[in-house]
Amino acid sequence: MTKKIIALSCGSKNGTNENFIKAAAKGALEFGVETEIILVVDLKVEPCRGCMACNRTHKCVLKDDVDWILGKTMIEDAGLIVAVPFYHIRNNSYLSIIAERTNHIFDHDVGVLKKTKVGAIIGHGGSGYDAWASLNLLMANIFVQHTRVLVDQIQVKNCGLREWNLWLQQGSKLTSHTHLARIQDLEYNNIWELWPQDYEPIDFAQKALLRSEQLGRNVAKAMMMPIEEVKYLGEESLVSCPMCHCNVLVVPENLPYVMCPVCNVRGTISQKHNQMKVEWNEEDAKHPRFTPEAIKHHFKWLGLHMSRVPNSRQEVQKLRQAYASFGKIINPKIADQ
């Protein structure tokens, strides 16, 4: 059977998002791997209503295309590439909605969390300076990490600066002005005095497309390997999580202790010769958040916690009733009445 990649395109039709996916498809085809592209914008995608019906039926009651998307991206035997633009610092709503609708998939078959398949992420959009895209790859990993070993990921930030495009930084010296000034505080022409522009827009676009081709090759090659031999091939910083390879950290109590908010891997951060480094907990990395054991524990904990105090739900509901008459619900139909 011919190996294939399922590419989930969460951006506009015929736009940059789709263009990067097709570049990745070109790279994958060099290894005989074909790519099927799902254009989410053409499909019906509704947000979770929190009705909890899927906990009982293992099916979603919403009549849209999300279950079909989840079947293709989570269950089908294929590689996965997710491409998503960032809007206001984080990924757009299409991917968030799809990710929030996954519970009944692994609640029905927790085996999908065993990560026997590979995946990659392409993020892009906007300016990207001053950490404008800092949550995009992180949030995309919430979806991908459930079922995939991550092979590669890139975040293409259209400002074109190496300081904000990790995939452009390898083997080149960076400026050290980011901690001294924010771009939003500078006049446009003054930006290039502090951060010299290495690439004109056309050169930058070409490099981004070629990097997307390489991402496709990396996924295709990883699909030919035993899953236990697959390695992450993308760029990463000195403080990147060993699982999602993102560099957004949570300080749950006090430094030097940090944690990856997606993977629940703990670490200890240190500084030496003006460089930050995280010593990650190796046992945590073997058992991150989205594994069958961790999800089973999570659901068991929720069940035990809700039943810990008999009749607690009824008592809590009584407390809430004291606030039931406050506030006024409005919508377009009744706002002017």
Protein backbone atom coordinates (compact mmCIF):
# COMPACT_ATOMS: atom_id res chain seq x y z
CA MET A 1 0.00 0.00 0.00
CA THR A 2 1.29 3.45 -0.94
CA LYS A 3 2.15 5.56 2.09
CA LYS A 4 0.43 8.90 2.35
CA ILE A 5 0.28 12.09 4.39
CA ILE A 6 -2.92 13.75 5.53
CA ALA A 7 -2.42 17.53 5.54
CA LEU A 8 -4.85 19.60 7.60
CA SER A 9 -4.96 23.12 6.16
CA CYS A 10 -6.60 25.54 8.60
CA GLY A 11 -6.02 28.72 6.60
CA SER A 12 -7.69 30.40 3.65
CA LYS A 13 -8.31 28.64 0.36
CA ASN A 14 -5.50 29.11 -2.19
CA GLY A 15 -3.63 31.14 0.42
CA THR A 16 -0.21 31.01 2.05
CA ASN A 17 -1.24 28.15 4.34
CA GLU A 18 -2.21 25.92 1.43
CA ASN A 19 0.91 26.98 -0.48
CA PHE A 20 3.22 25.80 2.33
CA ILE A 21 1.39 22.47 2.48
CA LYS A 22 1.81 21.95 -1.25
CA ALA A 23 5.52 22.72 -0.92
CA ALA A 24 5.71 20.05 1.79
CA ALA A 25 3.77 17.67 -0.48
CA LYS A 26 6.35 18.24 -3.21
CA GLY A 27 9.14 17.29 -0.80
CA ALA A 28 7.31 14.18 0.42
CA LEU A 29 6.64 13.01 -3.13
CA GLU A 30 10.39 12.69 -3.69
CA PHE A 31 10.14 9.65 -1.40
CA GLY A 32 7.00 8.29 -3.08
CA VAL A 33 4.66 9.59 -0.36
CA GLU A 34 1.49 11.26 -1.65
CA THR A 35 -0.41 13.97 0.24
CA GLU A 36 -4.15 14.38 0.70
CA ILE A 37 -5.14 17.93 1.73
CA ILE A 38 -8.14 18.76 3.91
CA LEU A 39 -9.23 22.38 3.45
CA VAL A 40 -11.03 23.09 6.70
CA VAL A 41 -12.47 26.36 5.37
CA ASP A 42 -14.59 24.34 2.91
CA LEU A 43 -16.10 22.19 5.67
CA LYS A 44 -18.68 22.63 8.42
CA VAL A 45 -16.91 23.02 11.76
CA GLU A 46 -18.83 23.85 14.93
CA PRO A 47 -17.45 24.47 18.44
CA CYS A 48 -17.97 22.05 21.31
CA ARG A 49 -21.06 22.91 23.36
CA GLY A 50 -19.91 21.16 26.50
CA CYS A 51 -22.99 18.94 26.60
CA MET A 52 -20.89 15.91 27.66
CA ALA A 53 -23.05 13.56 25.55
CA CYS A 54 -19.89 12.09 23.97
CA ASN A 55 -18.85 10.74 27.39
CA ARG A 56 -21.86 8.44 27.26
CA THR A 57 -22.12 7.62 23.56
CA HIS A 58 -18.51 7.99 22.32
CA LYS A 59 -19.98 10.10 19.52
CA CYS A 60 -20.45 13.81 19.05
CA VAL A 61 -24.05 14.99 18.68
CA LEU A 62 -23.09 17.88 16.39
CA LYS A 63 -23.91 17.26 12.75
CA ASP A 64 -20.86 18.65 11.01
CA ASP A 65 -17.60 17.47 9.44
CA VAL A 66 -15.36 17.38 12.52
CA ASP A 67 -15.72 13.65 13.21
CA TRP A 68 -14.68 12.97 9.60
CA ILE A 69 -11.66 15.27 10.08
CA LEU A 70 -10.71 13.47 13.30
CA GLY A 71 -11.02 10.10 11.60
CA LYS A 72 -8.62 11.19 8.86
CA THR A 73 -6.12 12.98 11.13
CA MET A 74 -6.17 10.89 14.32
CA ILE A 75 -7.17 7.37 13.32
CA GLU A 76 -6.20 6.77 9.70
CA ASP A 77 -2.80 5.14 9.11
CA ALA A 78 -0.95 8.09 7.59
CA GLY A 79 1.54 10.80 8.35
CA LEU A 80 0.13 14.15 9.44
CA ILE A 81 1.01 17.74 8.63
CA VAL A 82 -0.99 20.50 10.30
CA ALA A 83 -0.69 23.97 8.79
CA VAL A 84 -2.26 26.85 10.68
CA PRO A 85 -2.00 30.65 10.65
CA PHE A 86 -1.69 32.59 13.86
CA TYR A 87 -4.30 35.18 14.75
CA HIS A 88 -3.64 37.40 17.76
CA ILE A 89 -0.69 35.41 19.13
CA ARG A 90 -2.31 31.95 18.95
CA ASN A 91 -3.60 29.58 16.26
CA ASN A 92 -6.85 30.37 14.51
CA SER A 93 -10.22 29.09 15.68
CA TYR A 94 -10.53 26.27 13.13
CA LEU A 95 -7.74 24.24 14.72
CA SER A 96 -8.85 25.13 18.26
CA ILE A 97 -12.38 23.88 17.54
CA ILE A 98 -11.11 20.62 16.04
CA ALA A 99 -8.72 20.04 18.96
CA GLU A 100 -11.50 20.62 21.49
CA ARG A 101 -13.66 17.97 19.84
CA THR A 102 -11.20 15.04 20.30
CA ASN A 103 -12.21 13.63 23.70
CA HIS A 104 -14.64 10.99 22.45
CA ILE A 105 -12.02 9.63 20.03
CA PHE A 106 -9.52 8.52 22.65
CA ASP A 107 -12.22 7.95 25.28
CA HIS A 108 -13.53 5.23 22.95
CA ASP A 109 -10.09 3.90 21.96
CA VAL A 110 -7.23 5.10 24.14
CA GLY A 111 -4.86 3.19 21.86
CA VAL A 112 -4.77 6.12 19.43
CA LEU A 113 -2.61 7.87 22.03
CA LYS A 114 0.22 5.35 21.66
CA LYS A 115 1.89 7.60 19.07
CA THR A 116 2.70 5.00 16.42
CA LYS A 117 2.59 7.61 13.62
CA VAL A 118 4.54 10.77 12.81
CA GLY A 119 3.54 14.36 12.26
CA ALA A 120 4.73 17.91 11.67
CA ILE A 121 3.44 21.48 11.98
CA ILE A 122 3.68 24.57 9.79
CA GLY A 123 2.71 27.85 11.42
CA HIS A 124 2.73 31.20 9.67
CA GLY A 125 1.29 34.66 9.40
CA GLY A 126 1.40 38.33 10.27
CA SER A 127 4.49 40.14 11.43
CA GLY A 128 5.66 37.69 14.07
CA TYR A 129 7.93 40.15 15.85
CA ASP A 130 7.64 40.90 19.60
CA ALA A 131 6.42 37.32 20.20
CA TRP A 132 3.23 37.90 18.19
CA ALA A 133 3.20 34.20 17.22
CA SER A 134 4.43 32.71 20.49
CA LEU A 135 1.41 30.49 21.19
CA ASN A 136 0.77 29.17 17.68
CA LEU A 137 3.06 26.12 17.59
CA LEU A 138 2.36 25.49 21.27
CA MET A 139 -1.39 25.27 20.69
CA ALA A 140 -1.00 23.27 17.48
CA ASN A 141 0.99 20.74 19.50
CA ILE A 142 -2.00 20.22 21.80
CA PHE A 143 -3.67 18.55 18.82
CA VAL A 144 -0.66 16.86 17.24
CA GLN A 145 0.89 15.47 20.44
CA HIS A 146 -2.16 13.29 21.13
CA THR A 147 -1.40 10.88 18.30
CA ARG A 148 1.95 11.72 16.74
CA VAL A 149 5.68 11.68 17.29
CA LEU A 150 6.68 15.16 16.18
CA VAL A 151 9.27 15.09 13.39
CA ASP A 152 9.51 18.74 12.40
CA GLN A 153 7.86 22.13 12.83
CA ILE A 154 8.39 25.66 11.58
CA GLN A 155 6.87 29.03 12.38
CA VAL A 156 7.17 31.43 9.44
CA LYS A 157 6.93 35.00 10.70
CA ASN A 158 6.60 37.50 7.92
CA CYS A 159 8.73 40.20 9.54
CA GLY A 160 11.61 38.25 7.99
CA LEU A 161 13.90 38.77 10.99
CA ARG A 162 16.10 35.86 12.07
CA GLU A 163 15.56 36.82 15.72
CA TRP A 164 11.89 35.85 15.36
CA ASN A 165 12.27 32.99 12.84
CA LEU A 166 14.00 30.10 14.54
CA TRP A 167 14.35 28.16 11.28
CA LEU A 168 16.54 30.97 9.88
CA GLN A 169 18.91 31.14 12.86
CA GLN A 170 20.99 28.01 12.46
CA GLY A 171 24.70 28.71 11.99
CA SER A 172 24.33 32.48 12.04
CA LYS A 173 25.02 35.06 14.74
CA LEU A 174 22.03 36.95 16.09
CA THR A 175 21.78 40.49 17.35
CA SER A 176 21.18 40.98 21.08
CA HIS A 177 18.72 43.86 21.02
CA THR A 178 15.44 42.07 21.71
CA HIS A 179 15.75 42.65 25.46
CA LEU A 180 16.61 46.32 24.92
CA ALA A 181 13.73 47.42 22.71
CA ARG A 182 10.34 46.35 21.45
CA ILE A 183 9.63 46.82 17.78
CA GLN A 184 6.24 48.30 18.64
CA ASP A 185 8.06 51.24 20.30
CA LEU A 186 10.11 52.08 17.20
CA GLU A 187 9.48 53.93 13.97
CA TYR A 188 9.44 51.56 11.00
CA ASN A 189 12.71 52.75 9.46
CA ASN A 190 14.50 52.60 12.83
CA ILE A 191 13.75 48.89 13.17
CA TRP A 192 16.33 47.97 10.55
CA GLU A 193 19.05 49.89 12.37
CA LEU A 194 18.77 47.55 15.35
CA TRP A 195 17.76 44.42 13.45
CA PRO A 196 19.36 44.45 9.99
CA GLN A 197 17.08 42.85 7.41
CA ASP A 198 18.83 39.83 5.96
CA TYR A 199 16.30 38.97 3.28
CA GLU A 200 14.04 40.88 0.95
CA PRO A 201 10.41 39.65 0.91
CA ILE A 202 10.85 37.53 -2.22
CA ASP A 203 14.01 35.87 -0.87
CA PHE A 204 12.30 35.25 2.46
CA ALA A 205 9.26 33.68 0.76
CA GLN A 206 11.49 31.41 -1.31
CA LYS A 207 13.43 30.26 1.74
CA ALA A 208 10.17 29.55 3.61
CA LEU A 209 8.86 27.44 0.74
CA LEU A 210 12.12 25.50 0.47
CA ARG A 211 12.04 24.91 4.24
CA SER A 212 8.48 23.60 3.86
CA GLU A 213 9.71 21.21 1.16
CA GLN A 214 12.30 19.93 3.62
CA LEU A 215 9.62 19.46 6.26
CA GLY A 216 7.74 17.25 3.80
CA ARG A 217 10.88 15.22 3.16
CA ASN A 218 11.48 14.84 6.89
CA VAL A 219 7.97 13.50 7.45
CA ALA A 220 8.21 11.11 4.50
CA LYS A 221 11.58 9.74 5.61
CA ALA A 222 10.32 9.28 9.18
CA MET A 223 7.35 7.28 7.86
CA MET A 224 9.81 4.71 6.47
CA MET A 225 11.43 4.14 9.89
CA PRO A 226 10.43 2.13 12.98
CA ILE A 227 8.64 4.61 15.23
CA GLU A 228 11.13 4.10 18.07
CA GLU A 229 13.94 5.30 15.81
CA VAL A 230 12.23 8.54 14.73
CA LYS A 231 14.04 11.70 15.82
CA TYR A 232 13.02 15.35 15.81
CA LEU A 233 14.69 17.07 12.85
CA GLY A 234 13.52 20.65 13.30
CA GLU A 235 15.31 23.60 14.84
CA GLU A 236 14.98 24.22 18.57
CA SER A 237 16.21 26.62 21.22
CA LEU A 238 18.29 25.79 24.30
CA VAL A 239 15.16 25.71 26.46
CA SER A 240 12.86 23.73 24.14
CA CYS A 241 10.67 20.99 25.60
CA PRO A 242 11.98 17.51 24.60
CA MET A 243 8.51 16.47 23.40
CA CYS A 244 6.81 19.42 21.64
CA HIS A 245 10.09 21.30 21.11
CA CYS A 246 8.45 24.63 21.98
CA ASN A 247 10.11 27.18 24.23
CA VAL A 248 7.10 28.50 26.17
CA LEU A 249 7.59 27.58 29.81
CA VAL A 250 5.45 27.78 32.93
CA VAL A 251 6.90 28.66 36.34
CA PRO A 252 4.43 26.82 38.63
CA GLU A 253 6.02 28.01 41.88
CA ASN A 254 9.44 29.63 41.83
CA LEU A 255 12.51 29.51 39.66
CA PRO A 256 14.55 27.50 38.78
CA TYR A 257 11.67 25.02 38.39
CA VAL A 258 9.77 25.15 35.10
CA MET A 259 7.30 23.02 33.19
CA CYS A 260 6.06 22.62 29.61
CA PRO A 261 2.34 23.56 29.71
CA VAL A 262 1.49 21.15 26.86
CA CYS A 263 3.52 18.06 27.70
CA ASN A 264 3.63 18.31 31.51
CA VAL A 265 7.38 17.69 31.50
CA ARG A 266 9.20 19.35 34.40
CA GLY A 267 12.66 20.86 34.30
CA THR A 268 15.24 22.98 36.09
CA ILE A 269 16.45 26.11 34.31
CA SER A 270 19.96 27.52 34.65
CA GLN A 271 22.16 30.17 33.08
CA LYS A 272 25.79 29.91 32.09
CA HIS A 273 27.82 32.30 29.93
CA ASN A 274 24.65 34.30 29.13
CA GLN A 275 22.87 31.22 27.81
CA MET A 276 19.77 29.65 29.32
CA LYS A 277 19.45 25.88 29.57
CA VAL A 278 16.83 23.51 30.94
CA GLU A 279 17.64 20.15 32.46
CA TRP A 280 14.49 18.19 31.69
CA ASN A 281 13.10 15.38 33.84
CA GLU A 282 13.81 12.24 31.81
CA GLU A 283 11.06 10.19 33.45
CA ASP A 284 8.49 12.90 32.68
CA ALA A 285 9.63 12.87 29.06
CA LYS A 286 8.95 9.13 28.89
CA HIS A 287 5.42 9.66 30.23
CA PRO A 288 4.15 13.07 29.01
CA ARG A 289 0.61 14.37 29.29
CA PHE A 290 -0.91 12.84 26.14
CA THR A 291 -0.23 9.13 26.62
CA PRO A 292 -2.73 6.32 27.30
CA GLU A 293 -1.57 6.00 30.92
CA ALA A 294 -1.77 9.74 31.63
CA ILE A 295 -5.19 10.17 30.02
CA LYS A 296 -6.57 7.13 31.87
CA HIS A 297 -5.26 8.62 35.11
CA HIS A 298 -6.83 11.98 34.25
CA PHE A 299 -10.29 10.52 33.63
CA LYS A 300 -10.04 8.32 36.73
CA TRP A 301 -9.01 11.31 38.84
CA LEU A 302 -11.95 13.34 37.57
CA GLY A 303 -14.37 10.53 38.43
CA LEU A 304 -12.96 10.05 41.90
CA HIS A 305 -12.88 13.76 42.59
CA MET A 306 -16.48 14.31 41.55
CA SER A 307 -17.67 11.44 43.77
CA ARG A 308 -15.38 12.21 46.72
CA VAL A 309 -18.10 13.99 48.66
CA PRO A 310 -21.56 12.36 48.37
CA ASN A 311 -24.20 14.70 46.93
CA SER A 312 -21.57 17.40 46.35
CA ARG A 313 -22.98 18.24 42.92
CA GLN A 314 -26.40 18.91 44.38
CA GLU A 315 -24.95 21.09 47.12
CA VAL A 316 -22.85 23.08 44.67
CA GLN A 317 -25.90 23.57 42.49
CA LYS A 318 -27.77 25.03 45.44
CA LEU A 319 -24.95 27.52 46.00
CA ARG A 320 -25.12 28.57 42.36
CA GLN A 321 -28.86 29.11 42.47
CA ALA A 322 -28.31 32.10 44.76
CA TYR A 323 -26.84 33.93 41.75
CA ALA A 324 -29.36 32.77 39.15
CA SER A 325 -31.36 36.04 39.03
CA PHE A 326 -28.40 38.35 38.43
CA GLY A 327 -27.39 39.69 35.03
CA LYS A 328 -29.37 39.87 31.82
CA ILE A 329 -28.89 37.55 28.86
CA ILE A 330 -28.92 39.40 25.55
CA ASN A 331 -28.67 38.48 21.86
CA PRO A 332 -29.42 40.29 18.58
CA LYS A 333 -33.07 39.28 18.68
CA ILE A 334 -33.80 40.72 22.12
CA ALA A 335 -31.08 43.36 22.60
CA ASP A 336 -33.32 46.25 21.55
CA GLN A 337 -36.50 45.07 23.23
